[in-house]
């Protein structure tokens, strides 16, 4: 099973983001405090429905927003299906 795409809206420091992933290796590169860990946290949340970093859901929502959304599309042998957390 692999993650094809990820969408974020008002999650942590991301106002909006759409990413498509390769079936092979994907590498996140950036300076400190650019959102690499936040991106990994969003992927973890789609898989586990909870954060590995924080117990308070309010901390996951961008400062000026009232809600956050994480969406993705996963592919496995039986086909492709969407996942979404709000």
PDB file of N, CA and C in Angstrom:
ATOM      1  N   UNK A   1       0.852  -1.169   0.000  1.00  0.00           N
ATOM      2  CA  UNK A   1       0.000   0.000   0.000  1.00  0.00           C
ATOM      3  C   UNK A   1       0.898   1.232   0.000  1.00  0.00           C
ATOM      4  N   UNK A   2       0.482   2.264  -0.759  1.00  0.00           N
ATOM      5  CA  UNK A   2       1.257   3.494  -0.781  1.00  0.00           C
ATOM      6  C   UNK A   2       0.344   4.710  -0.929  1.00  0.00           C
ATOM      7  N   UNK A   3       0.873   5.827  -0.503  1.00  0.00           N
ATOM      8  CA  UNK A   3       0.154   7.095  -0.555  1.00  0.00           C
ATOM      9  C   UNK A   3       0.461   7.783  -1.879  1.00  0.00           C
ATOM     10  N   UNK A   4      -0.566   8.020  -2.685  1.00  0.00           N
ATOM     11  CA  UNK A   4      -0.395   8.671  -3.990  1.00  0.00           C
ATOM     12  C   UNK A   4      -0.303  10.183  -3.859  1.00  0.00           C
ATOM     13  N   UNK A   5      -1.206  10.741  -3.044  1.00  0.00           N
ATOM     14  CA  UNK A   5      -1.275  12.198  -2.926  1.00  0.00           C
ATOM     15  C   UNK A   5      -1.716  12.589  -1.527  1.00  0.00           C
ATOM     16  N   UNK A   6      -1.367  13.809  -1.152  1.00  0.00           N
ATOM     17  CA  UNK A   6      -1.705  14.354   0.153  1.00  0.00           C
ATOM     18  C   UNK A   6      -2.158  15.793  -0.032  1.00  0.00           C
ATOM     19  N   UNK A   7      -3.239  16.146   0.648  1.00  0.00           N
ATOM     20  CA  UNK A   7      -3.732  17.517   0.623  1.00  0.00           C
ATOM     21  C   UNK A   7      -3.888  18.024   2.041  1.00  0.00           C
ATOM     22  N   UNK A   8      -3.433  19.243   2.284  1.00  0.00           N
ATOM     23  CA  UNK A   8      -3.559  19.859   3.601  1.00  0.00           C
ATOM     24  C   UNK A   8      -4.258  21.198   3.463  1.00  0.00           C
ATOM     25  N   UNK A   9      -5.130  21.503   4.411  1.00  0.00           N
ATOM     26  CA  UNK A   9      -5.772  22.818   4.477  1.00  0.00           C
ATOM     27  C   UNK A   9      -5.774  23.239   5.935  1.00  0.00           C
ATOM     28  N   UNK A  10      -5.100  24.351   6.216  1.00  0.00           N
ATOM     29  CA  UNK A  10      -5.009  24.924   7.565  1.00  0.00           C
ATOM     30  C   UNK A  10      -4.481  23.934   8.598  1.00  0.00           C
ATOM     31  N   UNK A  11      -3.552  23.094   8.191  1.00  0.00           N
ATOM     32  CA  UNK A  11      -2.908  22.136   9.095  1.00  0.00           C
ATOM     33  C   UNK A  11      -1.536  22.656   9.482  1.00  0.00           C
ATOM     34  N   UNK A  12      -1.315  22.816  10.795  1.00  0.00           N
ATOM     35  CA  UNK A  12      -0.045  23.347  11.336  1.00  0.00           C
ATOM     36  C   UNK A  12       0.340  24.641  10.606  1.00  0.00           C
ATOM     37  N   UNK A  13       1.499  24.670   9.935  1.00  0.00           N
ATOM     38  CA  UNK A  13       1.935  25.906   9.275  1.00  0.00           C
ATOM     39  C   UNK A  13       1.515  25.979   7.801  1.00  0.00           C
ATOM     40  N   UNK A  14       0.722  25.032   7.328  1.00  0.00           N
ATOM     41  CA  UNK A  14       0.295  25.016   5.929  1.00  0.00           C
ATOM     42  C   UNK A  14      -1.095  25.619   5.764  1.00  0.00           C
ATOM     43  N   UNK A  15      -1.196  26.698   5.002  1.00  0.00           N
ATOM     44  CA  UNK A  15      -2.508  27.242   4.648  1.00  0.00           C
ATOM     45  C   UNK A  15      -3.185  26.278   3.675  1.00  0.00           C
ATOM     46  N   UNK A  16      -2.429  25.864   2.664  1.00  0.00           N
ATOM     47  CA  UNK A  16      -2.930  24.898   1.688  1.00  0.00           C
ATOM     48  C   UNK A  16      -1.749  24.243   0.989  1.00  0.00           C
ATOM     49  N   UNK A  17      -1.864  22.946   0.752  1.00  0.00           N
ATOM     50  CA  UNK A  17      -0.786  22.203   0.102  1.00  0.00           C
ATOM     51  C   UNK A  17      -1.366  20.988  -0.601  1.00  0.00           C
ATOM     52  N   UNK A  18      -0.904  20.713  -1.801  1.00  0.00           N
ATOM     53  CA  UNK A  18      -1.232  19.503  -2.561  1.00  0.00           C
ATOM     54  C   UNK A  18       0.087  18.885  -3.003  1.00  0.00           C
ATOM     55  N   UNK A  19       0.305  17.611  -2.680  1.00  0.00           N
ATOM     56  CA  UNK A  19       1.537  16.910  -3.022  1.00  0.00           C
ATOM     57  C   UNK A  19       1.183  15.580  -3.668  1.00  0.00           C
ATOM     58  N   UNK A  20       1.876  15.234  -4.744  1.00  0.00           N
ATOM     59  CA  UNK A  20       1.777  13.911  -5.350  1.00  0.00           C
ATOM     60  C   UNK A  20       3.089  13.190  -5.093  1.00  0.00           C
ATOM     61  N   UNK A  21       2.988  11.924  -4.685  1.00  0.00           N
ATOM     62  CA  UNK A  21       4.165  11.148  -4.327  1.00  0.00           C
ATOM     63  C   UNK A  21       4.500  10.118  -5.397  1.00  0.00           C
ATOM     64  N   UNK A  22       5.776   9.809  -5.478  1.00  0.00           N
ATOM     65  CA  UNK A  22       6.263   8.745  -6.353  1.00  0.00           C
ATOM     66  C   UNK A  22       6.036   7.398  -5.672  1.00  0.00           C
ATOM     67  N   UNK A  23       5.919   6.329  -6.451  1.00  0.00           N
ATOM     68  CA  UNK A  23       5.798   4.992  -5.876  1.00  0.00           C
ATOM     69  C   UNK A  23       7.113   4.549  -5.254  1.00  0.00           C
ATOM     70  N   UNK A  24       8.208   5.176  -5.658  1.00  0.00           N
ATOM     71  CA  UNK A  24       9.503   4.795  -5.106  1.00  0.00           C
ATOM     72  C   UNK A  24       9.866   5.735  -3.951  1.00  0.00           C
ATOM     73  N   UNK A  25      11.063   6.234  -3.920  1.00  0.00           N
ATOM     74  CA  UNK A  25      11.563   7.043  -2.808  1.00  0.00           C
ATOM     75  C   UNK A  25      11.128   8.502  -2.956  1.00  0.00           C
ATOM     76  N   UNK A  26      10.699   9.099  -1.837  1.00  0.00           N
ATOM     77  CA  UNK A  26      10.360  10.519  -1.770  1.00  0.00           C
ATOM     78  C   UNK A  26      11.206  11.138  -0.667  1.00  0.00           C
ATOM     79  N   UNK A  27      11.834  12.266  -0.957  1.00  0.00           N
ATOM     80  CA  UNK A  27      12.724  12.923  -0.004  1.00  0.00           C
ATOM     81  C   UNK A  27      12.216  14.330   0.263  1.00  0.00           C
ATOM     82  N   UNK A  28      12.122  14.690   1.541  1.00  0.00           N
ATOM     83  CA  UNK A  28      11.725  16.045   1.943  1.00  0.00           C
ATOM     84  C   UNK A  28      12.973  16.800   2.358  1.00  0.00           C
ATOM     85  N   UNK A  29      13.217  17.929   1.694  1.00  0.00           N
ATOM     86  CA  UNK A  29      14.388  18.745   1.981  1.00  0.00           C
ATOM     87  C   UNK A  29      13.928  20.167   2.277  1.00  0.00           C
ATOM     88  N   UNK A  30      14.499  20.773   3.304  1.00  0.00           N
ATOM     89  CA  UNK A  30      14.172  22.158   3.625  1.00  0.00           C
ATOM     90  C   UNK A  30      14.900  22.608   4.868  1.00  0.00           C
ATOM     91  N   UNK A  31      14.898  23.906   5.101  1.00  0.00           N
ATOM     92  CA  UNK A  31      15.514  24.462   6.298  1.00  0.00           C
ATOM     93  C   UNK A  31      14.698  24.091   7.526  1.00  0.00           C
ATOM     94  N   UNK A  32      15.254  24.394   8.700  1.00  0.00           N
ATOM     95  CA  UNK A  32      14.516  24.197   9.942  1.00  0.00           C
ATOM     96  C   UNK A  32      13.248  25.037   9.929  1.00  0.00           C
ATOM     97  N   UNK A  33      12.188  24.495  10.535  1.00  0.00           N
ATOM     98  CA  UNK A  33      10.896  25.183  10.687  1.00  0.00           C
ATOM     99  C   UNK A  33      10.202  25.466   9.355  1.00  0.00           C
ATOM    100  N   UNK A  34      10.438  24.630   8.353  1.00  0.00           N
ATOM    101  CA  UNK A  34       9.782  24.802   7.063  1.00  0.00           C
ATOM    102  C   UNK A  34       8.577  23.879   6.884  1.00  0.00           C
ATOM    103  N   UNK A  35       8.392  22.894   7.783  1.00  0.00           N
ATOM    104  CA  UNK A  35       7.213  22.049   7.733  1.00  0.00           C
ATOM    105  C   UNK A  35       7.451  20.602   7.352  1.00  0.00           C
ATOM    106  N   UNK A  36       8.698  20.141   7.340  1.00  0.00           N
ATOM    107  CA  UNK A  36       8.977  18.744   6.981  1.00  0.00           C
ATOM    108  C   UNK A  36       8.327  17.778   7.968  1.00  0.00           C
ATOM    109  N   UNK A  37       8.497  18.027   9.250  1.00  0.00           N
ATOM    110  CA  UNK A  37       7.910  17.161  10.273  1.00  0.00           C
ATOM    111  C   UNK A  37       6.396  17.259  10.257  1.00  0.00           C
ATOM    112  N   UNK A  38       5.857  18.439   9.987  1.00  0.00           N
ATOM    113  CA  UNK A  38       4.401  18.606   9.891  1.00  0.00           C
ATOM    114  C   UNK A  38       3.833  17.763   8.750  1.00  0.00           C
ATOM    115  N   UNK A  39       4.559  17.677   7.654  1.00  0.00           N
ATOM    116  CA  UNK A  39       4.146  16.847   6.524  1.00  0.00           C
ATOM    117  C   UNK A  39       4.121  15.368   6.920  1.00  0.00           C
ATOM    118  N   UNK A  40       5.163  14.922   7.610  1.00  0.00           N
ATOM    119  CA  UNK A  40       5.213  13.539   8.083  1.00  0.00           C
ATOM    120  C   UNK A  40       4.118  13.276   9.111  1.00  0.00           C
ATOM    121  N   UNK A  41       3.848  14.254   9.964  1.00  0.00           N
ATOM    122  CA  UNK A  41       2.772  14.113  10.945  1.00  0.00           C
ATOM    123  C   UNK A  41       1.417  13.952  10.259  1.00  0.00           C
ATOM    124  N   UNK A  42       1.170  14.689   9.199  1.00  0.00           N
ATOM    125  CA  UNK A  42      -0.086  14.577   8.456  1.00  0.00           C
ATOM    126  C   UNK A  42      -0.232  13.185   7.852  1.00  0.00           C
ATOM    127  N   UNK A  43       0.837  12.629   7.320  1.00  0.00           N
ATOM    128  CA  UNK A  43       0.808  11.271   6.766  1.00  0.00           C
ATOM    129  C   UNK A  43       0.513  10.265   7.876  1.00  0.00           C
ATOM    130  N   UNK A  44       1.157  10.425   9.010  1.00  0.00           N
ATOM    131  CA  UNK A  44       0.909   9.542  10.155  1.00  0.00           C
ATOM    132  C   UNK A  44      -0.545   9.637  10.602  1.00  0.00           C
ATOM    133  N   UNK A  45      -1.086  10.850  10.629  1.00  0.00           N
ATOM    134  CA  UNK A  45      -2.469  11.034  11.061  1.00  0.00           C
ATOM    135  C   UNK A  45      -3.456  10.348  10.128  1.00  0.00           C
ATOM    136  N   UNK A  46      -3.188  10.344   8.824  1.00  0.00           N
ATOM    137  CA  UNK A  46      -4.060   9.613   7.898  1.00  0.00           C
ATOM    138  C   UNK A  46      -4.039   8.110   8.187  1.00  0.00           C
ATOM    139  N   UNK A  47      -2.894   7.603   8.609  1.00  0.00           N
ATOM    140  CA  UNK A  47      -2.755   6.172   8.880  1.00  0.00           C
ATOM    141  C   UNK A  47      -3.308   5.774  10.252  1.00  0.00           C
ATOM    142  N   UNK A  48      -3.107   6.626  11.257  1.00  0.00           N
ATOM    143  CA  UNK A  48      -3.429   6.241  12.638  1.00  0.00           C
ATOM    144  C   UNK A  48      -4.587   7.029  13.254  1.00  0.00           C
ATOM    145  N   UNK A  49      -5.044   8.083  12.578  1.00  0.00           N
ATOM    146  CA  UNK A  49      -6.128   8.949  13.076  1.00  0.00           C
ATOM    147  C   UNK A  49      -5.783   9.631  14.401  1.00  0.00           C
ATOM    148  N   UNK A  50      -4.491   9.849  14.635  1.00  0.00           N
ATOM    149  CA  UNK A  50      -4.039  10.621  15.791  1.00  0.00           C
ATOM    150  C   UNK A  50      -2.632  11.137  15.513  1.00  0.00           C
ATOM    151  N   UNK A  51      -2.260  12.170  16.234  1.00  0.00           N
ATOM    152  CA  UNK A  51      -0.927  12.744  16.087  1.00  0.00           C
ATOM    153  C   UNK A  51       0.074  11.969  16.936  1.00  0.00           C
ATOM    154  N   UNK A  52       1.289  11.854  16.452  1.00  0.00           N
ATOM    155  CA  UNK A  52       2.356  11.251  17.255  1.00  0.00           C
ATOM    156  C   UNK A  52       3.040  12.302  18.122  1.00  0.00           C
ATOM    157  N   UNK A  53       2.710  13.599  17.912  1.00  0.00           N
ATOM    158  CA  UNK A  53       3.390  14.693  18.604  1.00  0.00           C
ATOM    159  C   UNK A  53       2.536  15.400  19.645  1.00  0.00           C
ATOM    160  N   UNK A  54       1.219  15.395  19.494  1.00  0.00           N
ATOM    161  CA  UNK A  54       0.383  16.275  20.291  1.00  0.00           C
ATOM    162  C   UNK A  54      -0.937  15.615  20.640  1.00  0.00           C
ATOM    163  N   UNK A  55      -1.406  15.808  21.856  1.00  0.00           N
ATOM    164  CA  UNK A  55      -2.705  15.282  22.278  1.00  0.00           C
ATOM    165  C   UNK A  55      -3.827  16.302  22.114  1.00  0.00           C
ATOM    166  N   UNK A  56      -3.485  17.554  21.924  1.00  0.00           N
ATOM    167  CA  UNK A  56      -4.468  18.620  21.797  1.00  0.00           C
ATOM    168  C   UNK A  56      -4.727  18.909  20.315  1.00  0.00           C
ATOM    169  N   UNK A  57      -5.921  18.569  19.824  1.00  0.00           N
ATOM    170  CA  UNK A  57      -6.247  18.771  18.405  1.00  0.00           C
ATOM    171  C   UNK A  57      -6.164  20.225  17.985  1.00  0.00           C
ATOM    172  N   UNK A  58      -6.433  21.151  18.871  1.00  0.00           N
ATOM    173  CA  UNK A  58      -6.381  22.582  18.539  1.00  0.00           C
ATOM    174  C   UNK A  58      -4.982  22.982  18.071  1.00  0.00           C
ATOM    175  N   UNK A  59      -3.962  22.343  18.590  1.00  0.00           N
ATOM    176  CA  UNK A  59      -2.585  22.660  18.194  1.00  0.00           C
ATOM    177  C   UNK A  59      -2.279  22.240  16.759  1.00  0.00           C
ATOM    178  N   UNK A  60      -3.118  21.391  16.174  1.00  0.00           N
ATOM    179  CA  UNK A  60      -2.916  20.938  14.800  1.00  0.00           C
ATOM    180  C   UNK A  60      -3.488  21.918  13.772  1.00  0.00           C
ATOM    181  N   UNK A  61      -4.346  22.817  14.229  1.00  0.00           N
ATOM    182  CA  UNK A  61      -5.036  23.753  13.343  1.00  0.00           C
ATOM    183  C   UNK A  61      -4.221  25.030  13.207  1.00  0.00           C
ATOM    184  N   UNK A  62      -4.073  25.494  11.984  1.00  0.00           N
ATOM    185  CA  UNK A  62      -3.339  26.730  11.701  1.00  0.00           C
ATOM    186  C   UNK A  62      -3.881  27.866  12.556  1.00  0.00           C
ATOM    187  N   UNK A  63      -3.007  28.764  12.971  1.00  0.00           N
ATOM    188  CA  UNK A  63      -3.307  29.804  13.957  1.00  0.00           C
ATOM    189  C   UNK A  63      -4.604  30.565  13.685  1.00  0.00           C
ATOM    190  N   UNK A  64      -4.867  31.007  12.476  1.00  0.00           N
ATOM    191  CA  UNK A  64      -6.018  31.864  12.182  1.00  0.00           C
ATOM    192  C   UNK A  64      -7.258  31.087  11.713  1.00  0.00           C
ATOM    193  N   UNK A  65      -7.203  29.767  11.705  1.00  0.00           N
ATOM    194  CA  UNK A  65      -8.295  28.955  11.160  1.00  0.00           C
ATOM    195  C   UNK A  65      -9.131  28.324  12.277  1.00  0.00           C
ATOM    196  N   UNK A  66     -10.325  27.897  11.909  1.00  0.00           N
ATOM    197  CA  UNK A  66     -11.206  27.247  12.883  1.00  0.00           C
ATOM    198  C   UNK A  66     -11.198  25.720  12.746  1.00  0.00           C
ATOM    199  N   UNK A  67     -10.666  25.206  11.648  1.00  0.00           N
ATOM    200  CA  UNK A  67     -10.600  23.754  11.426  1.00  0.00           C
ATOM    201  C   UNK A  67      -9.448  23.454  10.467  1.00  0.00           C
ATOM    202  N   UNK A  68      -9.021  22.209  10.475  1.00  0.00           N
ATOM    203  CA  UNK A  68      -7.977  21.747   9.552  1.00  0.00           C
ATOM    204  C   UNK A  68      -8.488  20.521   8.812  1.00  0.00           C
ATOM    205  N   UNK A  69      -7.912  20.282   7.640  1.00  0.00           N
ATOM    206  CA  UNK A  69      -8.310  19.124   6.836  1.00  0.00           C
ATOM    207  C   UNK A  69      -7.064  18.461   6.265  1.00  0.00           C
ATOM    208  N   UNK A  70      -7.014  17.141   6.399  1.00  0.00           N
ATOM    209  CA  UNK A  70      -5.962  16.322   5.803  1.00  0.00           C
ATOM    210  C   UNK A  70      -6.658  15.320   4.888  1.00  0.00           C
ATOM    211  N   UNK A  71      -6.271  15.295   3.640  1.00  0.00           N
ATOM    212  CA  UNK A  71      -6.866  14.339   2.707  1.00  0.00           C
ATOM    213  C   UNK A  71      -5.768  13.636   1.935  1.00  0.00           C
ATOM    214  N   UNK A  72      -6.060  12.441   1.481  1.00  0.00           N
ATOM    215  CA  UNK A  72      -5.080  11.682   0.720  1.00  0.00           C
ATOM    216  C   UNK A  72      -5.746  10.606  -0.112  1.00  0.00           C
ATOM    217  N   UNK A  73      -4.954  10.021  -0.978  1.00  0.00           N
ATOM    218  CA  UNK A  73      -5.425   8.899  -1.794  1.00  0.00           C
ATOM    219  C   UNK A  73      -4.394   7.791  -1.644  1.00  0.00           C
ATOM    220  N   UNK A  74      -4.883   6.614  -1.256  1.00  0.00           N
ATOM    221  CA  UNK A  74      -4.037   5.454  -1.008  1.00  0.00           C
ATOM    222  C   UNK A  74      -4.338   4.391  -2.062  1.00  0.00           C
ATOM    223  N   UNK A  75      -3.304   3.712  -2.521  1.00  0.00           N
ATOM    224  CA  UNK A  75      -3.473   2.622  -3.488  1.00  0.00           C
ATOM    225  C   UNK A  75      -2.931   1.341  -2.882  1.00  0.00           C
ATOM    226  N   UNK A  76      -3.702   0.281  -3.061  1.00  0.00           N
ATOM    227  CA  UNK A  76      -3.247  -1.063  -2.688  1.00  0.00           C
ATOM    228  C   UNK A  76      -3.733  -2.034  -3.745  1.00  0.00           C
ATOM    229  N   UNK A  77      -3.505  -3.311  -3.566  1.00  0.00           N
ATOM    230  CA  UNK A  77      -3.844  -4.308  -4.582  1.00  0.00           C
ATOM    231  C   UNK A  77      -5.294  -4.241  -5.033  1.00  0.00           C
ATOM    232  N   UNK A  78      -6.203  -3.964  -4.106  1.00  0.00           N
ATOM    233  CA  UNK A  78      -7.633  -3.960  -4.452  1.00  0.00           C
ATOM    234  C   UNK A  78      -8.103  -2.660  -5.088  1.00  0.00           C
ATOM    235  N   UNK A  79      -7.217  -1.688  -5.239  1.00  0.00           N
ATOM    236  CA  UNK A  79      -7.594  -0.428  -5.873  1.00  0.00           C
ATOM    237  C   UNK A  79      -7.183   0.788  -5.073  1.00  0.00           C
ATOM    238  N   UNK A  80      -7.715   1.917  -5.475  1.00  0.00           N
ATOM    239  CA  UNK A  80      -7.381   3.194  -4.878  1.00  0.00           C
ATOM    240  C   UNK A  80      -8.587   3.731  -4.108  1.00  0.00           C
ATOM    241  N   UNK A  81      -8.321   4.367  -2.959  1.00  0.00           N
ATOM    242  CA  UNK A  81      -9.428   4.929  -2.197  1.00  0.00           C
ATOM    243  C   UNK A  81      -8.981   6.187  -1.449  1.00  0.00           C
ATOM    244  N   UNK A  82      -9.914   7.103  -1.177  1.00  0.00           N
ATOM    245  CA  UNK A  82      -9.576   8.344  -0.492  1.00  0.00           C
ATOM    246  C   UNK A  82      -9.629   8.179   1.027  1.00  0.00           C
ATOM    247  N   UNK A  83      -8.829   9.002   1.713  1.00  0.00           N
ATOM    248  CA  UNK A  83      -8.858   9.121   3.161  1.00  0.00           C
ATOM    249  C   UNK A  83      -8.983  10.599   3.488  1.00  0.00           C
ATOM    250  N   UNK A  84      -9.698  10.919   4.582  1.00  0.00           N
ATOM    251  CA  UNK A  84      -9.860  12.329   4.949  1.00  0.00           C
ATOM    252  C   UNK A  84     -10.098  12.465   6.443  1.00  0.00           C
ATOM    253  N   UNK A  85      -9.420  13.441   7.038  1.00  0.00           N
ATOM    254  CA  UNK A  85      -9.629  13.815   8.437  1.00  0.00           C
ATOM    255  C   UNK A  85      -9.921  15.297   8.482  1.00  0.00           C
ATOM    256  N   UNK A  86     -10.930  15.693   9.255  1.00  0.00           N
ATOM    257  CA  UNK A  86     -11.249  17.110   9.439  1.00  0.00           C
ATOM    258  C   UNK A  86     -11.255  17.385  10.924  1.00  0.00           C
TER     259      UNK A  86
END
